[in-house]
N, C-alpha and C. Protein backbone atom coordinates (compact mmCIF):
# COMPACT_ATOMS: atom_id res chain seq x y z
N UNK A 1 6.29 42.92 11.62
CA UNK A 1 7.49 42.61 10.78
C UNK A 1 7.66 41.70 10.27
N UNK A 2 8.61 41.94 8.78
CA UNK A 2 9.12 40.77 8.37
C UNK A 2 10.49 40.29 9.10
N UNK A 3 10.41 39.17 9.24
CA UNK A 3 11.99 38.50 10.10
C UNK A 3 13.37 38.72 9.33
N UNK A 4 14.58 38.97 9.43
CA UNK A 4 15.38 39.18 8.79
C UNK A 4 15.55 38.25 7.60
N UNK A 5 16.03 38.76 6.33
CA UNK A 5 16.30 37.64 5.34
C UNK A 5 17.70 37.17 5.63
N UNK A 6 17.93 36.13 5.35
CA UNK A 6 18.88 35.22 5.55
C UNK A 6 19.99 34.79 4.37
N UNK A 7 21.01 35.02 3.94
CA UNK A 7 21.40 34.71 2.47
C UNK A 7 21.56 33.06 2.65
N UNK A 8 20.95 32.56 1.58
CA UNK A 8 20.98 31.20 1.20
C UNK A 8 21.80 30.66 0.17
N UNK A 9 22.53 29.84 0.23
CA UNK A 9 23.76 29.10 -0.91
C UNK A 9 22.88 28.28 -1.41
N UNK A 10 22.95 28.52 -3.05
CA UNK A 10 21.77 27.67 -3.91
C UNK A 10 22.61 26.43 -4.41
N UNK A 11 22.68 25.69 -4.29
CA UNK A 11 23.22 24.30 -4.62
C UNK A 11 22.27 23.76 -5.63
N UNK A 12 22.79 23.93 -7.07
CA UNK A 12 22.03 23.21 -7.91
C UNK A 12 21.28 21.17 -7.82
N UNK A 13 20.41 21.09 -8.31
CA UNK A 13 19.89 19.65 -8.05
C UNK A 13 20.47 18.97 -9.24
N UNK A 14 20.91 17.70 -9.36
CA UNK A 14 21.52 16.89 -10.46
C UNK A 14 20.58 15.35 -9.86
N UNK A 15 20.93 14.69 -11.28
CA UNK A 15 19.84 13.36 -11.27
C UNK A 15 21.08 12.70 -10.95
N UNK A 16 20.83 11.43 -10.41
CA UNK A 16 21.59 10.47 -9.80
C UNK A 16 21.21 9.00 -10.82
N UNK A 17 21.17 9.37 -11.68
CA UNK A 17 20.88 8.12 -12.93
C UNK A 17 21.77 7.34 -12.80
N UNK A 18 22.93 8.09 -13.44
CA UNK A 18 23.86 7.14 -13.47
C UNK A 18 24.53 6.44 -12.49
N UNK A 19 24.65 6.78 -11.22
CA UNK A 19 25.15 5.65 -9.97
C UNK A 19 23.95 4.74 -9.91
N UNK A 20 22.47 4.98 -10.22
CA UNK A 20 21.57 4.11 -10.13
C UNK A 20 21.61 3.27 -11.04
N UNK A 21 21.73 3.55 -12.32
CA UNK A 21 22.04 2.37 -13.26
C UNK A 21 23.57 1.67 -12.91
N UNK A 22 24.24 1.98 -12.52
CA UNK A 22 25.76 1.37 -11.96
C UNK A 22 25.41 0.30 -11.09
N UNK A 23 24.49 0.53 -10.08
CA UNK A 23 24.38 -0.09 -9.13
C UNK A 23 23.59 -1.49 -9.30
N UNK A 24 22.92 -0.92 -10.45
CA UNK A 24 22.09 -2.07 -10.78
C UNK A 24 22.48 -3.10 -12.03
N UNK A 25 23.45 -2.60 -12.26
CA UNK A 25 24.09 -3.13 -13.67
C UNK A 25 23.22 -2.99 -14.85
N UNK A 26 22.55 -1.66 -15.23
CA UNK A 26 21.36 -1.72 -16.10
C UNK A 26 22.24 -0.54 -16.97
N UNK A 27 21.94 -0.63 -18.35
CA UNK A 27 22.24 0.09 -19.20
C UNK A 27 21.19 1.35 -19.53
N UNK A 28 21.24 2.40 -20.25
CA UNK A 28 20.20 3.43 -20.40
C UNK A 28 19.42 2.81 -21.35
N UNK A 29 19.72 1.88 -22.16
CA UNK A 29 18.91 1.42 -23.23
C UNK A 29 17.86 0.34 -22.45
N UNK A 30 18.46 -0.23 -21.30
CA UNK A 30 17.49 -1.17 -20.67
C UNK A 30 16.53 -0.09 -19.82
N UNK A 31 16.86 1.21 -19.17
CA UNK A 31 16.01 1.78 -18.84
C UNK A 31 14.93 2.23 -19.32
N UNK A 32 15.49 2.44 -20.35
CA UNK A 32 14.24 2.92 -21.67
C UNK A 32 13.15 2.07 -21.75
N UNK A 33 13.72 0.93 -22.15
CA UNK A 33 12.87 0.12 -22.31
C UNK A 33 11.83 -0.61 -21.29
N UNK A 34 12.43 -0.35 -19.96
CA UNK A 34 11.57 -0.64 -18.89
C UNK A 34 10.67 0.35 -18.79
N UNK A 35 11.22 1.32 -18.67
CA UNK A 35 10.14 2.73 -18.25
C UNK A 35 9.30 3.32 -19.46
N UNK A 36 9.58 3.08 -20.53
CA UNK A 36 8.81 3.84 -21.82
C UNK A 36 9.23 4.96 -21.85
N UNK A 37 10.36 5.33 -20.92
CA UNK A 37 11.01 6.63 -21.40
C UNK A 37 11.89 6.75 -22.35
N UNK A 38 12.05 7.96 -23.55
CA UNK A 38 13.08 7.81 -24.53
C UNK A 38 14.45 7.95 -24.13
N UNK A 39 15.03 7.04 -25.02
CA UNK A 39 16.54 6.87 -24.77
C UNK A 39 17.31 8.49 -24.70
N UNK A 40 16.89 9.44 -25.51
CA UNK A 40 17.29 10.74 -25.40
C UNK A 40 16.90 10.88 -24.13
N UNK A 41 15.78 11.27 -23.50
CA UNK A 41 15.68 11.77 -22.11
C UNK A 41 16.58 11.11 -21.15
N UNK A 42 16.87 10.08 -20.99
CA UNK A 42 17.47 9.06 -20.05
C UNK A 42 19.01 9.68 -20.06
N UNK A 43 19.61 9.66 -21.45
CA UNK A 43 20.63 9.80 -21.66
C UNK A 43 20.85 11.36 -21.04
N UNK A 44 19.89 12.56 -21.90
CA UNK A 44 20.64 13.92 -21.32
C UNK A 44 20.19 13.86 -19.59
N UNK A 45 19.37 13.39 -19.09
CA UNK A 45 19.28 13.25 -17.50
C UNK A 45 20.62 12.50 -16.86
N UNK A 46 20.85 11.17 -17.16
CA UNK A 46 22.21 10.96 -16.78
C UNK A 46 23.51 11.98 -17.06
N UNK A 47 23.51 12.41 -17.84
CA UNK A 47 24.63 13.54 -18.34
C UNK A 47 24.32 14.82 -17.65
N UNK A 48 23.02 15.22 -16.87
CA UNK A 48 22.54 16.03 -16.33
C UNK A 48 22.70 17.27 -16.80
N UNK A 49 22.03 16.89 -17.90
CA UNK A 49 22.29 18.07 -19.27
C UNK A 49 20.75 18.58 -19.61
N UNK A 50 20.12 18.30 -18.53
CA UNK A 50 18.48 18.78 -18.77
C UNK A 50 18.45 19.67 -17.60
N UNK A 51 17.35 20.51 -17.52
CA UNK A 51 16.95 21.34 -16.15
C UNK A 51 15.70 21.10 -15.82
N UNK A 52 15.17 20.32 -16.48
CA UNK A 52 13.62 20.06 -15.90
C UNK A 52 13.17 18.95 -16.10
N UNK A 53 12.14 18.47 -15.91
CA UNK A 53 11.79 16.81 -15.70
C UNK A 53 10.28 16.95 -15.40
N UNK A 54 9.46 16.32 -16.04
CA UNK A 54 7.90 16.04 -15.50
C UNK A 54 7.71 15.09 -14.31
N UNK A 55 6.91 15.22 -13.74
CA UNK A 55 6.83 14.23 -12.62
C UNK A 55 6.69 12.98 -13.00
N UNK A 56 5.44 12.67 -14.01
CA UNK A 56 5.24 11.46 -14.68
C UNK A 56 6.34 10.78 -15.03
N UNK A 57 7.24 11.36 -15.85
CA UNK A 57 9.16 10.92 -16.06
C UNK A 57 9.55 10.40 -14.98
N UNK A 58 9.96 10.94 -13.78
CA UNK A 58 10.32 10.63 -12.48
C UNK A 58 9.61 9.35 -12.18
N UNK A 59 8.34 9.73 -12.03
CA UNK A 59 7.83 8.36 -11.44
C UNK A 59 8.07 7.11 -12.20
N UNK A 60 7.77 7.17 -13.38
CA UNK A 60 8.21 6.03 -14.37
C UNK A 60 9.95 5.53 -14.26
N UNK A 61 10.55 6.45 -14.10
CA UNK A 61 11.80 6.30 -14.09
C UNK A 61 12.12 5.71 -12.48
N UNK A 62 11.64 5.83 -11.53
CA UNK A 62 11.65 5.20 -10.48
C UNK A 62 11.31 3.94 -9.89
N UNK A 63 9.91 3.49 -10.74
CA UNK A 63 9.32 2.28 -10.60
C UNK A 63 10.38 1.27 -11.46
N UNK A 64 11.05 1.61 -12.95
CA UNK A 64 11.65 0.67 -13.08
C UNK A 64 12.93 0.82 -12.48
N UNK A 65 13.40 1.32 -11.95
CA UNK A 65 15.13 1.57 -11.33
C UNK A 65 14.72 1.11 -9.52
N UNK A 66 12.93 0.83 -9.26
CA UNK A 66 12.59 -0.03 -7.90
C UNK A 66 13.23 1.20 -7.01
N UNK A 67 13.19 2.40 -7.01
CA UNK A 67 13.58 3.27 -5.99
C UNK A 67 12.07 4.46 -6.01
N UNK A 68 12.20 5.17 -4.94
CA UNK A 68 11.48 6.46 -4.72
C UNK A 68 11.85 7.75 -5.73
N UNK A 69 10.91 8.54 -6.19
CA UNK A 69 10.83 9.18 -7.22
C UNK A 69 12.40 10.47 -6.54
N UNK A 70 12.28 10.89 -5.44
CA UNK A 70 13.04 11.38 -4.56
C UNK A 70 14.48 10.92 -4.75
N UNK A 71 14.50 9.74 -4.71
CA UNK A 71 16.05 9.29 -5.18
C UNK A 71 16.71 9.42 -5.97
N UNK A 72 16.32 10.04 -6.90
CA UNK A 72 16.65 10.17 -8.59
C UNK A 72 17.41 11.50 -8.39
N UNK A 73 17.19 12.53 -7.69
CA UNK A 73 17.90 13.73 -7.55
C UNK A 73 18.43 13.63 -6.13
N UNK A 74 19.64 14.83 -6.36
CA UNK A 74 20.33 15.40 -5.01
C UNK A 74 20.64 16.60 -5.18
N UNK A 75 20.98 17.29 -3.92
CA UNK A 75 22.03 18.88 -4.54
C UNK A 75 23.50 18.03 -4.70
N UNK A 76 23.78 19.10 -5.87
CA UNK A 76 25.12 19.20 -6.21
C UNK A 76 25.69 19.88 -5.57
N UNK A 77 26.82 19.11 -4.69
CA UNK A 77 27.41 20.33 -3.95
C UNK A 77 28.67 21.34 -4.19
N UNK A 78 29.24 20.04 -5.53
CA UNK A 78 30.32 20.80 -6.35
C UNK A 78 30.03 21.91 -7.00
N UNK A 79 28.69 22.26 -7.57
CA UNK A 79 28.02 23.32 -8.50
C UNK A 79 28.13 24.53 -7.33
N UNK A 80 27.69 24.33 -6.34
CA UNK A 80 26.85 24.98 -5.28
C UNK A 80 27.83 26.22 -5.49
N UNK A 81 27.33 27.65 -5.17
CA UNK A 81 28.12 28.60 -4.60
C UNK A 81 27.90 28.77 -3.41
N UNK A 82 29.24 29.37 -2.71
CA UNK A 82 29.35 29.77 -1.44
C UNK A 82 29.93 28.65 -0.64
N UNK A 83 30.08 28.60 0.71
CA UNK A 83 30.77 27.71 1.27
C UNK A 83 30.08 27.37 2.61
């Protein structure tokens, strides 16, 4: 038998680039220069206007910011469904 299914509250992920850039006093343009990722991609991620990203992009951004790739994303509790 299968275990009973439990309702899962879905909370979309969000990028933390805006916070990380502010903490470091770094502009999006500077991050683009340091990471080799286009300004357009960084801008879209900073505004959370993208739903997917390549792992190598996360790695390049994380290295340029001095963080781990997992530090770039978090669950967005404000946009999640349910309580």
